[in-house]
N, C-alpha and C. Protein backbone atom coordinates (compact mmCIF):
# COMPACT_ATOMS: atom_id res chain seq x y z
N MET A 1 -9.04 -7.92 0.65
CA MET A 1 -9.39 -6.54 0.49
C MET A 1 -9.05 -6.14 -0.94
N VAL A 2 -10.03 -5.56 -1.62
CA VAL A 2 -9.82 -5.04 -2.97
C VAL A 2 -10.31 -3.59 -2.99
N LEU A 3 -9.87 -2.87 -3.99
CA LEU A 3 -10.23 -1.47 -4.14
C LEU A 3 -11.35 -1.35 -5.16
N LEU A 4 -12.37 -0.58 -4.80
CA LEU A 4 -13.46 -0.31 -5.74
C LEU A 4 -12.97 0.68 -6.79
N LYS A 5 -13.42 0.49 -8.02
CA LYS A 5 -13.04 1.40 -9.10
C LYS A 5 -13.80 2.72 -8.96
N PRO A 6 -13.22 3.80 -9.52
CA PRO A 6 -13.90 5.11 -9.46
C PRO A 6 -15.33 5.00 -10.00
N GLY A 7 -16.22 5.75 -9.37
CA GLY A 7 -17.63 5.74 -9.75
C GLY A 7 -18.44 4.74 -8.94
N TYR A 8 -17.81 4.06 -7.98
CA TYR A 8 -18.49 3.04 -7.17
C TYR A 8 -19.66 3.60 -6.37
N GLU A 9 -19.63 4.89 -6.09
CA GLU A 9 -20.66 5.49 -5.24
C GLU A 9 -22.07 5.27 -5.78
N GLU A 10 -22.19 5.23 -7.10
CA GLU A 10 -23.50 5.05 -7.74
C GLU A 10 -24.14 3.70 -7.40
N ASP A 11 -23.31 2.70 -7.17
CA ASP A 11 -23.82 1.34 -6.93
C ASP A 11 -23.16 0.71 -5.70
N TYR A 12 -22.89 1.53 -4.69
CA TYR A 12 -22.13 1.05 -3.53
C TYR A 12 -22.78 -0.17 -2.87
N GLN A 13 -24.10 -0.18 -2.73
CA GLN A 13 -24.77 -1.30 -2.08
C GLN A 13 -24.92 -2.51 -3.00
N GLY A 14 -24.67 -2.34 -4.28
CA GLY A 14 -24.75 -3.44 -5.24
C GLY A 14 -23.40 -4.11 -5.40
N ARG A 15 -22.96 -4.24 -6.63
CA ARG A 15 -21.67 -4.86 -6.93
C ARG A 15 -20.88 -3.94 -7.87
N PRO A 16 -20.37 -2.83 -7.32
CA PRO A 16 -19.61 -1.93 -8.20
C PRO A 16 -18.33 -2.62 -8.67
N PRO A 17 -17.79 -2.21 -9.80
CA PRO A 17 -16.57 -2.82 -10.32
C PRO A 17 -15.39 -2.65 -9.36
N ILE A 18 -14.53 -3.66 -9.36
CA ILE A 18 -13.35 -3.66 -8.49
C ILE A 18 -12.08 -3.81 -9.33
N TYR A 19 -10.96 -3.39 -8.76
CA TYR A 19 -9.66 -3.73 -9.34
C TYR A 19 -9.42 -5.20 -9.01
N LEU A 20 -8.80 -5.93 -9.91
CA LEU A 20 -8.64 -7.38 -9.74
C LEU A 20 -7.44 -7.76 -8.89
N LEU A 21 -6.71 -6.79 -8.41
CA LEU A 21 -5.56 -7.04 -7.54
C LEU A 21 -5.96 -6.71 -6.12
N GLY A 22 -5.60 -7.57 -5.18
CA GLY A 22 -5.97 -7.33 -3.79
C GLY A 22 -4.94 -7.88 -2.83
N CYS A 23 -5.25 -7.76 -1.56
CA CYS A 23 -4.35 -8.22 -0.51
C CYS A 23 -5.16 -8.86 0.60
N SER A 24 -4.74 -10.05 1.00
CA SER A 24 -5.39 -10.66 2.15
C SER A 24 -4.68 -10.16 3.39
N GLY A 25 -5.35 -10.22 4.51
CA GLY A 25 -4.74 -9.71 5.72
C GLY A 25 -5.51 -10.11 6.95
N ALA A 26 -5.00 -9.65 8.07
CA ALA A 26 -5.62 -9.91 9.36
C ALA A 26 -6.01 -8.58 9.99
N ILE A 27 -7.19 -8.54 10.59
CA ILE A 27 -7.63 -7.33 11.29
C ILE A 27 -6.83 -7.25 12.58
N VAL A 28 -6.10 -6.15 12.75
CA VAL A 28 -5.29 -5.97 13.96
C VAL A 28 -5.88 -4.92 14.89
N GLU A 29 -6.81 -4.13 14.37
CA GLU A 29 -7.47 -3.13 15.20
C GLU A 29 -8.83 -2.82 14.60
N GLU A 30 -9.80 -2.60 15.46
CA GLU A 30 -11.14 -2.24 15.01
C GLU A 30 -11.72 -1.19 15.92
N GLU A 31 -12.58 -0.36 15.34
CA GLU A 31 -13.27 0.68 16.11
C GLU A 31 -14.69 0.77 15.58
N ARG A 32 -15.65 0.50 16.45
CA ARG A 32 -17.06 0.61 16.06
C ARG A 32 -17.46 2.08 16.13
N LEU A 33 -18.07 2.56 15.06
CA LEU A 33 -18.51 3.95 15.00
C LEU A 33 -19.94 4.07 15.49
N ASP A 34 -20.33 5.27 15.84
CA ASP A 34 -21.68 5.50 16.39
C ASP A 34 -22.79 5.09 15.44
N ASP A 35 -22.53 5.15 14.13
CA ASP A 35 -23.57 4.81 13.15
C ASP A 35 -23.59 3.31 12.81
N GLY A 36 -22.83 2.48 13.53
CA GLY A 36 -22.82 1.04 13.31
C GLY A 36 -21.74 0.55 12.38
N ARG A 37 -21.07 1.46 11.67
CA ARG A 37 -19.96 1.06 10.80
C ARG A 37 -18.72 0.84 11.64
N TYR A 38 -17.65 0.37 10.99
CA TYR A 38 -16.38 0.13 11.67
C TYR A 38 -15.23 0.77 10.91
N ASN A 39 -14.25 1.23 11.63
CA ASN A 39 -12.93 1.52 11.09
C ASN A 39 -12.08 0.31 11.45
N ILE A 40 -11.37 -0.23 10.46
CA ILE A 40 -10.51 -1.38 10.75
C ILE A 40 -9.10 -1.10 10.25
N LEU A 41 -8.13 -1.69 10.92
CA LEU A 41 -6.74 -1.64 10.50
C LEU A 41 -6.38 -3.07 10.10
N LEU A 42 -6.02 -3.22 8.83
CA LEU A 42 -5.73 -4.53 8.27
C LEU A 42 -4.23 -4.66 8.04
N LEU A 43 -3.63 -5.70 8.56
CA LEU A 43 -2.21 -5.98 8.32
C LEU A 43 -2.12 -6.93 7.13
N GLY A 44 -1.56 -6.42 6.02
CA GLY A 44 -1.45 -7.20 4.80
C GLY A 44 -0.60 -8.45 4.99
N GLN A 45 -1.04 -9.55 4.38
CA GLN A 45 -0.31 -10.80 4.49
C GLN A 45 0.14 -11.36 3.14
N SER A 46 -0.73 -11.32 2.13
CA SER A 46 -0.31 -11.81 0.82
C SER A 46 -1.14 -11.13 -0.28
N ARG A 47 -0.49 -11.00 -1.43
CA ARG A 47 -1.14 -10.38 -2.58
C ARG A 47 -1.91 -11.45 -3.36
N PHE A 48 -2.98 -11.03 -4.02
CA PHE A 48 -3.73 -11.98 -4.85
C PHE A 48 -4.33 -11.27 -6.05
N ARG A 49 -4.70 -12.07 -7.04
CA ARG A 49 -5.43 -11.59 -8.21
C ARG A 49 -6.78 -12.31 -8.23
N VAL A 50 -7.84 -11.55 -8.43
CA VAL A 50 -9.19 -12.11 -8.52
C VAL A 50 -9.33 -12.81 -9.87
N LEU A 51 -9.65 -14.09 -9.83
CA LEU A 51 -9.86 -14.86 -11.06
C LEU A 51 -11.32 -14.85 -11.49
N GLU A 52 -12.21 -14.92 -10.50
CA GLU A 52 -13.64 -15.00 -10.80
C GLU A 52 -14.43 -14.64 -9.55
N GLU A 53 -15.46 -13.85 -9.74
CA GLU A 53 -16.35 -13.52 -8.62
C GLU A 53 -17.50 -14.52 -8.57
N HIS A 54 -17.95 -14.82 -7.35
CA HIS A 54 -19.08 -15.73 -7.13
C HIS A 54 -20.21 -14.94 -6.46
N GLY A 55 -21.43 -15.39 -6.65
CA GLY A 55 -22.55 -14.76 -5.98
C GLY A 55 -22.48 -15.01 -4.49
N GLY A 56 -23.23 -14.27 -3.75
CA GLY A 56 -23.26 -14.46 -2.30
C GLY A 56 -23.55 -13.16 -1.60
N GLU A 57 -24.21 -13.26 -0.50
CA GLU A 57 -24.55 -12.10 0.32
C GLU A 57 -24.20 -12.44 1.76
N PRO A 58 -23.87 -11.57 2.63
CA PRO A 58 -23.82 -10.13 2.40
C PRO A 58 -22.45 -9.66 1.86
N TYR A 59 -21.47 -10.57 1.76
CA TYR A 59 -20.14 -10.18 1.29
C TYR A 59 -19.86 -10.74 -0.09
N ARG A 60 -19.03 -10.06 -0.83
CA ARG A 60 -18.60 -10.56 -2.13
C ARG A 60 -17.62 -11.70 -1.91
N ARG A 61 -17.70 -12.69 -2.77
CA ARG A 61 -16.79 -13.83 -2.70
C ARG A 61 -16.16 -14.01 -4.05
N ALA A 62 -14.94 -14.58 -4.05
CA ALA A 62 -14.24 -14.75 -5.32
C ALA A 62 -13.23 -15.88 -5.23
N ALA A 63 -12.91 -16.44 -6.39
CA ALA A 63 -11.77 -17.35 -6.51
C ALA A 63 -10.57 -16.45 -6.80
N VAL A 64 -9.49 -16.66 -6.05
CA VAL A 64 -8.31 -15.82 -6.21
C VAL A 64 -7.06 -16.68 -6.39
N GLU A 65 -6.05 -16.06 -6.96
CA GLU A 65 -4.75 -16.69 -7.14
C GLU A 65 -3.74 -15.90 -6.31
N GLU A 66 -3.08 -16.58 -5.35
CA GLU A 66 -2.06 -15.89 -4.56
C GLU A 66 -0.87 -15.57 -5.45
N LEU A 67 -0.32 -14.38 -5.28
CA LEU A 67 0.82 -13.93 -6.08
C LEU A 67 2.09 -13.98 -5.24
N PRO A 68 3.14 -14.59 -5.77
CA PRO A 68 4.40 -14.66 -5.00
C PRO A 68 5.00 -13.27 -4.84
N ASP A 69 5.84 -13.13 -3.86
CA ASP A 69 6.45 -11.84 -3.56
C ASP A 69 7.95 -12.06 -3.33
N ALA A 70 8.71 -12.15 -4.42
CA ALA A 70 10.15 -12.38 -4.32
C ALA A 70 10.84 -11.12 -3.80
N THR A 71 12.04 -11.29 -3.26
CA THR A 71 12.76 -10.18 -2.68
C THR A 71 13.43 -9.32 -3.74
N GLY A 72 14.29 -9.89 -4.55
CA GLY A 72 15.06 -9.12 -5.52
C GLY A 72 16.53 -9.14 -5.14
N ASP A 73 17.30 -8.25 -5.74
CA ASP A 73 18.74 -8.20 -5.54
C ASP A 73 19.09 -7.50 -4.22
N GLY A 74 19.85 -8.18 -3.36
CA GLY A 74 20.20 -7.65 -2.04
C GLY A 74 21.01 -6.37 -2.09
N ALA A 75 22.02 -6.31 -2.96
CA ALA A 75 22.87 -5.11 -3.06
C ALA A 75 22.05 -3.92 -3.54
N SER A 76 21.19 -4.14 -4.50
CA SER A 76 20.33 -3.08 -5.01
C SER A 76 19.37 -2.61 -3.92
N LEU A 77 18.86 -3.55 -3.13
CA LEU A 77 17.95 -3.20 -2.05
C LEU A 77 18.64 -2.39 -0.96
N ASP A 78 19.92 -2.66 -0.71
CA ASP A 78 20.67 -1.86 0.27
C ASP A 78 20.67 -0.40 -0.15
N ASP A 79 20.97 -0.15 -1.42
CA ASP A 79 21.00 1.21 -1.96
C ASP A 79 19.61 1.83 -1.95
N LEU A 80 18.61 1.08 -2.38
CA LEU A 80 17.24 1.59 -2.41
C LEU A 80 16.75 1.94 -1.01
N ARG A 81 17.13 1.14 -0.03
CA ARG A 81 16.74 1.39 1.36
C ARG A 81 17.24 2.76 1.79
N GLU A 82 18.51 3.03 1.54
CA GLU A 82 19.09 4.32 1.93
C GLU A 82 18.41 5.47 1.20
N ARG A 83 18.15 5.30 -0.09
CA ARG A 83 17.50 6.35 -0.88
C ARG A 83 16.06 6.58 -0.41
N LEU A 84 15.35 5.50 -0.07
CA LEU A 84 13.98 5.63 0.44
C LEU A 84 13.96 6.39 1.76
N LEU A 85 14.85 6.02 2.65
CA LEU A 85 14.88 6.67 3.96
C LEU A 85 15.26 8.14 3.84
N ALA A 86 16.18 8.46 2.93
CA ALA A 86 16.56 9.85 2.71
C ALA A 86 15.38 10.65 2.14
N ALA A 87 14.68 10.07 1.18
CA ALA A 87 13.52 10.75 0.59
C ALA A 87 12.43 10.95 1.62
N LEU A 88 12.20 9.96 2.44
CA LEU A 88 11.18 10.05 3.48
C LEU A 88 11.55 11.13 4.49
N SER A 89 12.81 11.20 4.84
CA SER A 89 13.27 12.22 5.78
C SER A 89 13.07 13.62 5.21
N ARG A 90 13.36 13.80 3.94
CA ARG A 90 13.15 15.11 3.29
C ARG A 90 11.67 15.49 3.29
N LEU A 91 10.81 14.53 2.98
CA LEU A 91 9.38 14.82 2.91
C LEU A 91 8.74 15.06 4.27
N SER A 92 9.35 14.53 5.31
CA SER A 92 8.76 14.69 6.64
C SER A 92 9.49 15.77 7.43
N ASP A 93 10.20 16.65 6.72
CA ASP A 93 10.93 17.75 7.35
C ASP A 93 11.90 17.26 8.41
N GLY A 94 12.54 16.13 8.15
CA GLY A 94 13.54 15.59 9.07
C GLY A 94 12.95 14.81 10.22
N ALA A 95 11.62 14.70 10.30
CA ALA A 95 10.99 13.99 11.42
C ALA A 95 11.33 12.51 11.42
N ALA A 96 11.75 11.99 10.27
CA ALA A 96 12.09 10.57 10.19
C ALA A 96 13.59 10.35 10.32
N ALA A 97 14.28 11.30 10.95
CA ALA A 97 15.73 11.21 11.07
C ALA A 97 16.17 9.97 11.84
N ALA A 98 15.37 9.51 12.77
CA ALA A 98 15.73 8.33 13.56
C ALA A 98 15.14 7.09 12.91
N HIS A 99 15.53 6.85 11.65
CA HIS A 99 14.95 5.72 10.95
C HIS A 99 15.76 4.45 11.19
N PRO A 100 15.10 3.33 11.05
CA PRO A 100 15.77 2.05 11.28
C PRO A 100 16.78 1.76 10.19
N ARG A 101 17.95 1.33 10.55
CA ARG A 101 18.98 0.99 9.57
C ARG A 101 18.90 -0.49 9.25
N ASP A 102 19.36 -1.30 10.15
CA ASP A 102 19.40 -2.73 9.92
C ASP A 102 18.47 -3.50 10.85
N ALA A 103 17.64 -2.76 11.59
CA ALA A 103 16.79 -3.40 12.58
C ALA A 103 15.72 -4.29 11.96
N ILE A 104 15.27 -3.96 10.75
CA ILE A 104 14.24 -4.76 10.10
C ILE A 104 14.68 -5.10 8.68
N SER A 105 14.08 -6.13 8.14
CA SER A 105 14.43 -6.58 6.79
C SER A 105 13.99 -5.56 5.75
N HIS A 106 14.59 -5.68 4.57
CA HIS A 106 14.20 -4.81 3.46
C HIS A 106 12.70 -4.97 3.18
N ALA A 107 12.23 -6.22 3.16
CA ALA A 107 10.82 -6.48 2.86
C ALA A 107 9.91 -5.83 3.89
N ALA A 108 10.24 -5.96 5.16
CA ALA A 108 9.40 -5.37 6.21
C ALA A 108 9.39 -3.85 6.10
N LEU A 109 10.53 -3.25 5.80
CA LEU A 109 10.59 -1.80 5.67
C LEU A 109 9.78 -1.32 4.47
N VAL A 110 10.03 -1.90 3.31
CA VAL A 110 9.36 -1.46 2.08
C VAL A 110 7.85 -1.71 2.18
N ASN A 111 7.47 -2.90 2.63
CA ASN A 111 6.04 -3.21 2.73
C ASN A 111 5.36 -2.37 3.81
N GLY A 112 6.07 -2.13 4.92
CA GLY A 112 5.50 -1.30 5.99
C GLY A 112 5.28 0.14 5.53
N LEU A 113 6.26 0.69 4.80
CA LEU A 113 6.11 2.05 4.27
C LEU A 113 5.00 2.09 3.22
N SER A 114 4.95 1.08 2.37
CA SER A 114 3.93 1.02 1.32
C SER A 114 2.54 1.01 1.93
N GLN A 115 2.40 0.32 3.02
CA GLN A 115 1.09 0.21 3.67
C GLN A 115 0.79 1.40 4.56
N GLY A 116 1.80 1.91 5.25
CA GLY A 116 1.56 2.90 6.29
C GLY A 116 1.61 4.36 5.88
N LEU A 117 2.28 4.67 4.78
CA LEU A 117 2.38 6.07 4.38
C LEU A 117 1.04 6.60 3.87
N ASP A 118 0.87 7.89 3.99
CA ASP A 118 -0.37 8.55 3.57
C ASP A 118 -0.35 8.76 2.06
N LEU A 119 -0.50 7.66 1.33
CA LEU A 119 -0.55 7.68 -0.13
C LEU A 119 -1.99 7.43 -0.56
N SER A 120 -2.31 7.81 -1.79
CA SER A 120 -3.67 7.58 -2.28
C SER A 120 -3.90 6.08 -2.46
N PRO A 121 -5.16 5.65 -2.43
CA PRO A 121 -5.45 4.23 -2.65
C PRO A 121 -4.89 3.70 -3.98
N VAL A 122 -4.94 4.49 -5.04
CA VAL A 122 -4.44 4.03 -6.33
C VAL A 122 -2.91 3.93 -6.29
N GLU A 123 -2.24 4.84 -5.58
CA GLU A 123 -0.79 4.74 -5.42
C GLU A 123 -0.44 3.46 -4.66
N LYS A 124 -1.19 3.16 -3.63
CA LYS A 124 -0.94 1.93 -2.86
C LYS A 124 -1.20 0.70 -3.72
N LEU A 125 -2.24 0.76 -4.55
CA LEU A 125 -2.53 -0.35 -5.46
C LEU A 125 -1.37 -0.55 -6.43
N SER A 126 -0.78 0.53 -6.92
CA SER A 126 0.35 0.40 -7.84
C SER A 126 1.54 -0.25 -7.15
N LEU A 127 1.70 -0.02 -5.86
CA LEU A 127 2.77 -0.67 -5.10
C LEU A 127 2.47 -2.16 -4.93
N LEU A 128 1.23 -2.48 -4.68
CA LEU A 128 0.81 -3.87 -4.52
C LEU A 128 1.00 -4.66 -5.81
N ASP A 129 0.96 -3.97 -6.93
CA ASP A 129 1.11 -4.61 -8.24
C ASP A 129 2.54 -5.04 -8.54
N CYS A 130 3.50 -4.58 -7.76
CA CYS A 130 4.91 -4.94 -7.99
C CYS A 130 5.17 -6.38 -7.54
N ASP A 131 5.86 -7.15 -8.39
CA ASP A 131 6.09 -8.58 -8.11
C ASP A 131 7.25 -8.87 -7.19
N THR A 132 8.12 -7.89 -6.95
CA THR A 132 9.25 -8.10 -6.04
C THR A 132 9.35 -6.93 -5.08
N VAL A 133 10.00 -7.18 -3.96
CA VAL A 133 10.25 -6.11 -2.99
C VAL A 133 11.11 -5.03 -3.64
N GLU A 134 12.06 -5.43 -4.47
CA GLU A 134 12.92 -4.46 -5.14
C GLU A 134 12.10 -3.56 -6.07
N ALA A 135 11.20 -4.15 -6.85
CA ALA A 135 10.35 -3.35 -7.75
C ALA A 135 9.46 -2.42 -6.94
N ARG A 136 8.94 -2.92 -5.81
CA ARG A 136 8.09 -2.10 -4.95
C ARG A 136 8.89 -0.93 -4.36
N ALA A 137 10.13 -1.21 -3.96
CA ALA A 137 10.98 -0.15 -3.41
C ALA A 137 11.25 0.91 -4.46
N ARG A 138 11.51 0.48 -5.70
CA ARG A 138 11.75 1.45 -6.79
C ARG A 138 10.51 2.31 -7.05
N ARG A 139 9.35 1.68 -7.08
CA ARG A 139 8.12 2.43 -7.32
C ARG A 139 7.82 3.36 -6.15
N LEU A 140 8.04 2.91 -4.94
CA LEU A 140 7.82 3.76 -3.77
C LEU A 140 8.75 4.96 -3.80
N LEU A 141 9.99 4.74 -4.17
CA LEU A 141 10.95 5.84 -4.29
C LEU A 141 10.47 6.84 -5.34
N ALA A 142 9.98 6.35 -6.47
CA ALA A 142 9.47 7.23 -7.52
C ALA A 142 8.28 8.05 -7.00
N LEU A 143 7.40 7.42 -6.24
CA LEU A 143 6.25 8.13 -5.68
C LEU A 143 6.71 9.21 -4.70
N LEU A 144 7.67 8.87 -3.84
CA LEU A 144 8.17 9.85 -2.88
C LEU A 144 8.84 11.01 -3.59
N GLU A 145 9.60 10.71 -4.63
CA GLU A 145 10.25 11.77 -5.39
C GLU A 145 9.22 12.65 -6.09
N PHE A 146 8.15 12.06 -6.59
CA PHE A 146 7.06 12.82 -7.21
C PHE A 146 6.43 13.75 -6.19
N HIS A 147 6.16 13.24 -4.98
CA HIS A 147 5.56 14.07 -3.94
C HIS A 147 6.52 15.20 -3.53
N ALA A 148 7.81 14.93 -3.55
CA ALA A 148 8.80 15.98 -3.25
C ALA A 148 8.75 17.07 -4.31
N LEU A 149 8.59 16.68 -5.59
CA LEU A 149 8.48 17.67 -6.66
C LEU A 149 7.20 18.50 -6.50
N GLU A 150 6.11 17.84 -6.15
CA GLU A 150 4.85 18.56 -5.90
C GLU A 150 5.04 19.57 -4.79
N ARG A 151 5.71 19.13 -3.76
CA ARG A 151 5.94 20.00 -2.60
C ARG A 151 6.79 21.20 -2.99
N ALA A 152 7.83 20.96 -3.77
CA ALA A 152 8.71 22.03 -4.21
C ALA A 152 7.97 23.02 -5.11
N ALA A 153 6.96 22.54 -5.82
CA ALA A 153 6.19 23.40 -6.72
C ALA A 153 5.10 24.17 -5.97
N GLY A 154 5.06 24.01 -4.66
CA GLY A 154 4.11 24.78 -3.87
C GLY A 154 2.92 24.02 -3.37
N ARG A 155 2.79 22.77 -3.75
CA ARG A 155 1.69 21.95 -3.24
C ARG A 155 2.22 21.21 -2.02
N ARG A 156 2.26 21.89 -0.88
CA ARG A 156 2.85 21.35 0.35
C ARG A 156 2.15 20.08 0.79
N ARG A 157 2.94 19.06 1.07
CA ARG A 157 2.38 17.81 1.57
C ARG A 157 3.44 17.14 2.43
N THR A 158 3.08 16.80 3.61
CA THR A 158 3.98 16.09 4.50
C THR A 158 3.44 14.68 4.66
N LEU A 159 4.25 13.69 4.36
CA LEU A 159 3.80 12.30 4.51
C LEU A 159 4.09 11.85 5.92
N HIS A 160 3.18 11.08 6.47
CA HIS A 160 3.40 10.50 7.81
C HIS A 160 2.83 9.13 7.86
């Protein structure tokens, strides 16, 4: 899965430009719509960079390079985990008060939040661009803090 660059609407049926960073995954849920299209839920599995696109129809094909996803510093991640959960709780008006402490790994928590929160596609792409879970946690925290500032300035937004 890759993200189409802005302006793709003009050439949607052709080959509009894409961001070269993507994520492979497995379809975990699908819903066929009345007009024949589908809504799908994709569970991310690994990050990749597009090296070269190849011709082919009806789907785009490419040679890709899988990108490693190191964890980072454990002590730093412990602190970031607490800060992330606190920020998320503030943004959700306390609805996330019953958050997992040690039930899941740092990677599962950070990646799950990165994928599941109601962030813009470009914000999610910026998270995917991080080479470590620690870097992703830091960027996610920065995004949450930015949304908190927006909210405080009167642009109400609740993340879920």
